Amino acid sequence: MRIVKYLFIVSFYFFIGTSGAQNTANPFELRASGSETVANKNQPKPIAEQEIDHSNPFEIIHVPANYALRDTLLVKKPIPITSKKVKNQNFLFVSISLLLLFLTILVVMNRGLLANIYRAIFSDTYLKVVYRFQNSGHTLSYGLFYLFFFLNAGLFLTLLLKQFKFNYFASDITLFFVCVGGIALTYFIKHSVLRIIGLIFPVQKEISYYSFTIIAFNIFLGIALLPINSLISFSSDQVANLCLYLGVIFFLLLYCIRQLRGMFLAANYLTFQKFHFFIYLCTIEIAPILILTKIIYSNSGNSL
């Protein structure tokens, strides 16, 4: 009995020691602070644990926001790409259509004029024949073709200025008419100065022939710019940029050929009037191109 009593006492003290050891504080145990405990209490219960009133059809279930899941499943709408070229499709379509209609009417009125202009560009002798034929009563047809050149060159200059981000005018239609008016005014001044020179100096015949040479080359250039403008207006950006550069190169090529024709025409006067010819070349031929280039670069944010 005494042995049983001793075993009972030892078991009792052992039980008390183990329960006390479990209640003692663990120095490595991390306990939550009071603010975290309050935050945990304020967290919404899961949807399954919320008390939902199914009898109320307007009951709103508050679902906790899962930002990681939201960012993963959120599908962003694509931002529409709008460019100047897309916005101006109606204006370009109407312009190209009217120019095609205008050219069709001109060709019906005078079918042989385009063939004569094409041959005159590559033959100075044939150009003189066309010049004499033009003086016999076809001034109106050449004037209408010259107007076609102003419209087509104005459209090409508009597209070129838009490429250089020329935003001085809010409307592209206004920019188009300004370009057409600027080109028309430039050539009006040019022909007027040539006429005044022909009246002052005894070179009226040569000046008249050179003025007609300018008209013939510009008519050919205006017709050639129509397909270039069409490709620029309705093709991709890469093709449009390529056509812009090709149009500029084509204009410079025709300009150089025209200047060579003028120099051959004035070969008899270059021997005695070199200074006067140089003044004319710089003032009438080179200065307008340099001024126009300066205006384009200045308004596009660049500087020369």
Protein backbone atom coordinates (compact mmCIF):
# COMPACT_ATOMS: atom_id res chain seq x y z
CA MET A 1 0.00 0.00 0.00
CA ARG A 2 2.82 2.32 0.86
CA ILE A 3 4.33 1.73 -2.60
CA VAL A 4 1.01 2.57 -4.27
CA LYS A 5 0.77 5.73 -2.21
CA TYR A 6 4.28 6.83 -3.25
CA LEU A 7 3.53 6.15 -6.92
CA PHE A 8 0.35 8.17 -6.70
CA ILE A 9 2.18 11.16 -5.17
CA VAL A 10 4.96 11.03 -7.80
CA SER A 11 2.40 10.84 -10.60
CA PHE A 12 0.49 13.78 -9.15
CA TYR A 13 3.56 16.05 -9.00
CA PHE A 14 4.68 14.97 -12.47
CA PHE A 15 1.27 15.90 -13.91
CA ILE A 16 1.36 19.31 -12.24
CA GLY A 17 4.90 19.99 -13.59
CA THR A 18 4.06 19.15 -17.19
CA SER A 19 0.90 21.31 -17.25
CA GLY A 20 2.83 24.24 -15.78
CA ALA A 21 5.55 23.87 -18.40
CA GLN A 22 2.97 24.11 -21.15
CA ASN A 23 1.59 27.35 -19.71
CA THR A 24 4.97 29.04 -19.39
CA ALA A 25 5.92 31.61 -22.01
CA ASN A 26 8.09 30.58 -24.93
CA PRO A 27 10.81 33.25 -25.46
CA PHE A 28 10.94 32.49 -29.21
CA GLU A 29 7.19 32.68 -29.78
CA LEU A 30 5.95 35.60 -31.98
CA ARG A 31 2.77 37.13 -30.69
CA ALA A 32 0.50 39.42 -32.69
CA SER A 33 0.24 43.02 -31.55
CA GLY A 34 -2.97 44.62 -30.47
CA SER A 35 -3.48 46.55 -33.73
CA GLU A 36 -3.04 43.38 -35.77
CA THR A 37 -5.52 41.60 -33.56
CA VAL A 38 -8.09 44.36 -34.11
CA ALA A 39 -7.40 44.31 -37.86
CA ASN A 40 -7.93 40.58 -37.94
CA LYS A 41 -11.20 41.00 -36.13
CA ASN A 42 -12.34 43.66 -38.62
CA GLN A 43 -11.64 41.48 -41.66
CA PRO A 44 -14.81 40.41 -43.46
CA LYS A 45 -15.84 36.86 -43.08
CA PRO A 46 -15.67 34.53 -46.05
CA ILE A 47 -18.71 34.38 -48.26
CA ALA A 48 -19.59 30.96 -46.91
CA GLU A 49 -19.61 32.26 -43.30
CA GLN A 50 -21.66 35.42 -43.99
CA GLU A 51 -25.26 35.48 -43.06
CA ILE A 52 -27.10 35.86 -46.35
CA ASP A 53 -30.75 36.69 -46.49
CA HIS A 54 -31.89 34.70 -49.51
CA SER A 55 -35.42 36.07 -49.24
CA ASN A 56 -34.20 39.60 -50.14
CA PRO A 57 -33.52 39.84 -53.92
CA PHE A 58 -31.60 43.09 -53.37
CA GLU A 59 -29.17 41.62 -50.88
CA ILE A 60 -25.60 42.73 -51.69
CA ILE A 61 -22.78 40.39 -50.88
CA HIS A 62 -19.59 42.23 -50.03
CA VAL A 63 -16.73 40.31 -51.52
CA PRO A 64 -13.25 41.27 -50.30
CA ALA A 65 -11.06 42.70 -52.98
CA ASN A 66 -8.35 40.44 -54.24
CA TYR A 67 -5.98 42.85 -55.95
CA ALA A 68 -3.57 40.20 -57.18
CA LEU A 69 -6.41 38.32 -58.86
CA ARG A 70 -7.81 41.58 -60.23
CA ASP A 71 -4.50 42.59 -61.80
CA THR A 72 -4.11 39.13 -63.28
CA LEU A 73 -7.57 38.88 -64.82
CA LEU A 74 -7.94 42.54 -65.81
CA VAL A 75 -8.01 42.86 -69.58
CA LYS A 76 -7.08 46.34 -70.74
CA LYS A 77 -8.87 47.72 -73.77
CA PRO A 78 -6.55 48.55 -76.67
CA ILE A 79 -6.00 52.26 -77.16
CA PRO A 80 -7.15 53.28 -80.66
CA ILE A 81 -4.31 54.64 -82.78
CA THR A 82 -5.37 57.82 -84.52
CA SER A 83 -3.03 59.67 -86.84
CA LYS A 84 -3.26 62.62 -89.11
CA LYS A 85 -3.42 60.32 -92.09
CA VAL A 86 -6.46 58.44 -90.79
CA LYS A 87 -8.33 61.59 -89.83
CA ASN A 88 -7.84 63.13 -93.29
CA GLN A 89 -9.00 60.20 -95.39
CA ASN A 90 -12.21 61.95 -96.46
CA PHE A 91 -10.36 65.11 -97.48
CA LEU A 92 -7.74 63.15 -99.41
CA PHE A 93 -10.32 60.95 -101.11
CA VAL A 94 -12.36 63.94 -102.27
CA SER A 95 -9.25 65.80 -103.44
CA ILE A 96 -7.86 62.88 -105.46
CA SER A 97 -11.29 62.17 -106.97
CA LEU A 98 -11.78 65.78 -108.07
CA LEU A 99 -8.28 65.92 -109.53
CA LEU A 100 -8.92 62.73 -111.51
CA LEU A 101 -12.20 64.15 -112.78
CA PHE A 102 -10.50 67.41 -113.71
CA LEU A 103 -7.73 65.58 -115.60
CA THR A 104 -10.29 63.46 -117.46
CA ILE A 105 -12.11 66.59 -118.63
CA LEU A 106 -8.83 68.18 -119.75
CA VAL A 107 -7.80 65.08 -121.71
CA VAL A 108 -11.18 64.93 -123.44
CA MET A 109 -10.91 68.61 -124.37
CA ASN A 110 -7.42 68.25 -125.86
CA ARG A 111 -6.14 64.72 -126.36
CA GLY A 112 -2.95 65.62 -128.21
CA LEU A 113 -1.63 68.11 -125.67
CA LEU A 114 -0.27 65.50 -123.24
CA ALA A 115 1.59 63.68 -126.02
CA ASN A 116 3.09 66.96 -127.20
CA ILE A 117 4.18 67.90 -123.68
CA TYR A 118 5.77 64.50 -123.13
CA ARG A 119 7.80 64.73 -126.34
CA ALA A 120 8.74 68.35 -125.67
CA ILE A 121 10.28 67.48 -122.29
CA PHE A 122 12.90 65.26 -123.92
CA SER A 123 13.41 67.24 -127.12
CA ASP A 124 14.23 70.93 -127.27
CA THR A 125 13.47 71.06 -130.96
CA TYR A 126 10.00 69.63 -130.48
CA LEU A 127 9.46 72.04 -127.59
CA LYS A 128 9.94 74.95 -130.00
CA VAL A 129 7.38 73.39 -132.34
CA VAL A 130 4.89 73.05 -129.47
CA TYR A 131 5.63 76.66 -128.46
CA ARG A 132 4.69 77.95 -131.94
CA PHE A 133 1.61 75.70 -131.97
CA GLN A 134 0.55 77.03 -128.57
CA ASN A 135 0.68 80.62 -129.80
CA SER A 136 -1.81 79.78 -132.56
CA GLY A 137 -4.78 79.58 -130.20
CA HIS A 138 -4.44 76.87 -127.52
CA THR A 139 -3.74 79.21 -124.61
CA LEU A 140 -6.88 78.17 -122.69
CA SER A 141 -5.98 74.47 -122.69
CA TYR A 142 -2.47 75.19 -121.42
CA GLY A 143 -3.89 77.52 -118.79
CA LEU A 144 -6.25 74.80 -117.47
CA PHE A 145 -3.42 72.25 -117.38
CA TYR A 146 -1.31 74.80 -115.53
CA LEU A 147 -4.13 75.16 -113.00
CA PHE A 148 -4.11 71.38 -112.64
CA PHE A 149 -0.40 71.60 -111.80
CA PHE A 150 -1.08 74.19 -109.07
CA LEU A 151 -3.71 71.96 -107.45
CA ASN A 152 -1.60 68.80 -107.62
CA ALA A 153 1.58 70.51 -106.46
CA GLY A 154 -0.38 72.14 -103.62
CA LEU A 155 -1.66 68.74 -102.49
CA PHE A 156 1.84 67.27 -102.61
CA LEU A 157 3.22 70.21 -100.63
CA THR A 158 0.42 69.73 -98.07
CA LEU A 159 1.35 66.07 -97.60
CA LEU A 160 5.02 67.02 -97.37
CA LEU A 161 4.32 69.64 -94.70
CA LYS A 162 2.25 67.13 -92.72
CA GLN A 163 5.20 64.74 -92.86
CA PHE A 164 7.37 67.46 -91.31
CA LYS A 165 4.65 68.03 -88.64
CA PHE A 166 3.81 71.52 -89.86
CA ASN A 167 0.90 72.40 -87.52
CA TYR A 168 0.61 76.13 -88.14
CA PHE A 169 -2.92 75.72 -89.55
CA ALA A 170 -5.60 73.86 -87.61
CA SER A 171 -7.40 72.61 -90.74
CA ASP A 172 -5.74 70.63 -93.49
CA ILE A 173 -8.14 72.15 -96.02
CA THR A 174 -6.84 75.60 -95.09
CA LEU A 175 -3.26 74.35 -95.41
CA PHE A 176 -4.07 72.92 -98.85
CA PHE A 177 -5.45 76.21 -100.20
CA VAL A 178 -2.56 78.13 -98.67
CA CYS A 179 -0.10 75.81 -100.43
CA VAL A 180 -1.93 76.14 -103.75
CA GLY A 181 -2.07 79.91 -103.36
CA GLY A 182 1.60 80.10 -102.38
CA ILE A 183 2.72 78.09 -105.43
CA ALA A 184 0.46 80.07 -107.76
CA LEU A 185 1.72 83.38 -106.33
CA THR A 186 5.35 82.26 -106.66
CA TYR A 187 4.99 81.40 -110.34
CA PHE A 188 2.88 84.49 -111.04
CA ILE A 189 5.72 86.65 -109.68
CA LYS A 190 8.23 84.57 -111.65
CA HIS A 191 6.42 84.99 -114.98
CA SER A 192 5.79 88.68 -114.26
CA VAL A 193 9.50 89.30 -113.60
CA LEU A 194 10.41 87.44 -116.78
CA ARG A 195 7.96 89.55 -118.74
CA ILE A 196 9.36 92.76 -117.26
CA ILE A 197 12.89 91.64 -118.14
CA GLY A 198 11.75 90.93 -121.70
CA LEU A 199 10.24 94.41 -121.98
CA ILE A 200 13.31 96.16 -120.59
CA PHE A 201 16.03 94.21 -122.37
CA PRO A 202 16.10 93.06 -126.00
CA VAL A 203 15.49 89.43 -125.09
CA GLN A 204 11.72 89.29 -125.34
CA LYS A 205 11.65 86.30 -127.70
CA GLU A 206 14.00 84.23 -125.54
CA ILE A 207 12.18 85.18 -122.34
CA SER A 208 8.83 84.21 -123.83
CA TYR A 209 10.22 80.85 -124.92
CA TYR A 210 11.75 80.22 -121.48
CA SER A 211 8.47 81.14 -119.78
CA PHE A 212 6.68 78.57 -121.96
CA THR A 213 9.38 76.02 -121.05
CA ILE A 214 8.53 76.54 -117.37
CA ILE A 215 4.83 75.99 -118.15
CA ALA A 216 5.50 72.80 -120.14
CA PHE A 217 7.71 71.27 -117.44
CA ASN A 218 5.22 72.17 -114.71
CA ILE A 219 2.32 70.61 -116.63
CA PHE A 220 4.32 67.39 -116.96
CA LEU A 221 5.20 67.54 -113.27
CA GLY A 222 1.56 68.10 -112.27
CA ILE A 223 0.41 65.01 -114.16
CA ALA A 224 3.24 62.91 -112.71
CA LEU A 225 2.39 64.02 -109.17
CA LEU A 226 -1.17 62.66 -109.36
CA PRO A 227 -0.24 58.95 -108.91
CA ILE A 228 2.38 59.93 -106.34
CA ASN A 229 -0.23 61.81 -104.30
CA SER A 230 -2.61 58.86 -104.58
CA LEU A 231 0.01 56.45 -103.23
CA ILE A 232 0.91 58.80 -100.40
CA SER A 233 -2.74 59.23 -99.42
CA PHE A 234 -3.93 55.62 -99.44
CA SER A 235 -0.89 53.43 -98.79
CA SER A 236 1.00 52.34 -95.69
CA ASP A 237 3.36 54.66 -93.86
CA GLN A 238 6.48 53.07 -95.33
CA VAL A 239 5.22 53.37 -98.92
CA ALA A 240 3.94 56.90 -98.26
CA ASN A 241 7.32 58.06 -96.96
CA LEU A 242 9.07 56.46 -99.93
CA CYS A 243 6.71 58.19 -102.38
CA LEU A 244 7.30 61.53 -100.66
CA TYR A 245 11.04 61.23 -101.18
CA LEU A 246 10.55 60.04 -104.76
CA GLY A 247 8.33 63.04 -105.45
CA VAL A 248 10.96 65.43 -104.11
CA ILE A 249 13.69 63.73 -106.16
CA PHE A 250 11.52 63.84 -109.29
CA PHE A 251 10.84 67.55 -108.79
CA LEU A 252 14.56 68.30 -108.33
CA LEU A 253 15.41 66.27 -111.44
CA LEU A 254 12.91 68.14 -113.60
CA TYR A 255 14.07 71.43 -112.11
CA CYS A 256 17.69 70.72 -113.05
CA ILE A 257 16.71 69.71 -116.60
CA ARG A 258 14.66 72.90 -116.95
CA GLN A 259 17.55 75.03 -115.72
CA LEU A 260 19.87 73.40 -118.23
CA ARG A 261 17.40 74.22 -121.00
CA GLY A 262 17.36 77.82 -119.83
CA MET A 263 21.15 78.00 -119.77
CA PHE A 264 21.35 76.64 -123.31
CA LEU A 265 18.79 79.21 -124.36
CA ALA A 266 20.81 82.03 -122.79
CA ALA A 267 24.18 80.74 -124.00
CA ASN A 268 24.58 83.70 -126.38
CA TYR A 269 24.15 86.18 -123.53
CA LEU A 270 26.26 84.44 -120.89
CA THR A 271 29.45 85.61 -122.55
CA PHE A 272 28.69 89.31 -122.05
CA GLN A 273 26.08 89.32 -119.23
CA LYS A 274 27.39 86.83 -116.69
CA PHE A 275 26.77 89.04 -113.67
CA HIS A 276 23.19 89.87 -114.64
CA PHE A 277 22.43 86.21 -115.30
CA PHE A 278 23.88 85.28 -111.91
CA ILE A 279 21.69 87.90 -110.19
CA TYR A 280 18.60 86.55 -111.97
CA LEU A 281 19.49 82.95 -111.09
CA CYS A 282 19.93 83.71 -107.39
CA THR A 283 16.89 86.01 -107.08
CA ILE A 284 14.24 84.23 -109.15
CA GLU A 285 15.31 80.59 -109.22
CA ILE A 286 17.21 79.75 -106.01
CA ALA A 287 15.89 82.23 -103.43
CA PRO A 288 12.21 81.01 -103.44
CA ILE A 289 13.31 77.40 -102.83
CA LEU A 290 15.60 78.40 -99.97
CA ILE A 291 12.90 80.58 -98.38
CA LEU A 292 10.31 77.79 -98.61
CA THR A 293 12.76 75.28 -97.11
CA LYS A 294 13.55 77.66 -94.27
CA ILE A 295 9.85 78.17 -93.49
CA ILE A 296 9.20 74.40 -93.42
CA TYR A 297 12.10 73.63 -91.09
CA SER A 298 11.38 76.58 -88.81
CA ASN A 299 7.72 75.66 -88.29
CA SER A 300 8.53 71.97 -87.79
CA GLY A 301 10.73 72.73 -84.79
CA ASN A 302 14.06 72.46 -86.58
CA SER A 303 16.51 75.15 -87.53
CA LEU A 304 18.79 75.77 -90.45
